[in-house]
Amino acid sequence: MATKKKIKRVEIIDETDVSVSDNFFTDKEQDDILTYCEDSPYYWGELDHVGLPPVGMVHNIPEEHEIHKLVRNKIETSIPPIVQIPFYRMYVNMFNPHDNPFFHVDCADDSHGYTFLYYPQKDWNLNDGGETQFLIGENLYGITPNPNRMVMFDSRLQHKATAFRDRVRFTVAIKYEVN
């Protein structure tokens, strides 16, 4: 009988911290990622939580694609301890104006990990909306989707996307998780 390999918890940031890194990629890399997001096919049906209706559309980024390799390499060279946690998934969320996603966590009750969100768009201003909201304790915090920004947080942290007012919002989601 095979034994399950136990991976110890790797503390990169506190479970209620949200880490923000601006200008994460070069301008050329940002352009390539945005073009990939704009040109990719999407499907509808992803759930934020069992029992809730689907919101938005999703495109899974294949591991063999250059964008996948670029994003993962940049994360793993920028935050070396992350390689101690198994890579789980990379995909693009696409929300249309007026989509209203639900609060959720990104891992099961018996697991832990880290989620990275990357905002590839070229411009943003306060009235566009599109922030990622986090529920920490009894307070709601918003991280603005500044262009070329990478956000990292504990996957057990309640959060949700918000749509842009008048255009599509892309977010590349990268997840590392231990069951």
Foldseek 3Di string as FASTA:
>chain_A
DDDDDDQDDDPPDPQQDKDKDALLDDPVLLVVVVVCVVPDDWDWFDAQDPPDGTWFTKAFDDCPDPNNVVVVVSVCVVRVVLVSFAWDGKMKTKHFAPTDHDWHFQDDPPKKWKKKKAFSDDADDPQQAWWKWWCDPNDIDTDDRGHGMMMMHIRRTTIDTHATHHGMTMMMMTITMDD
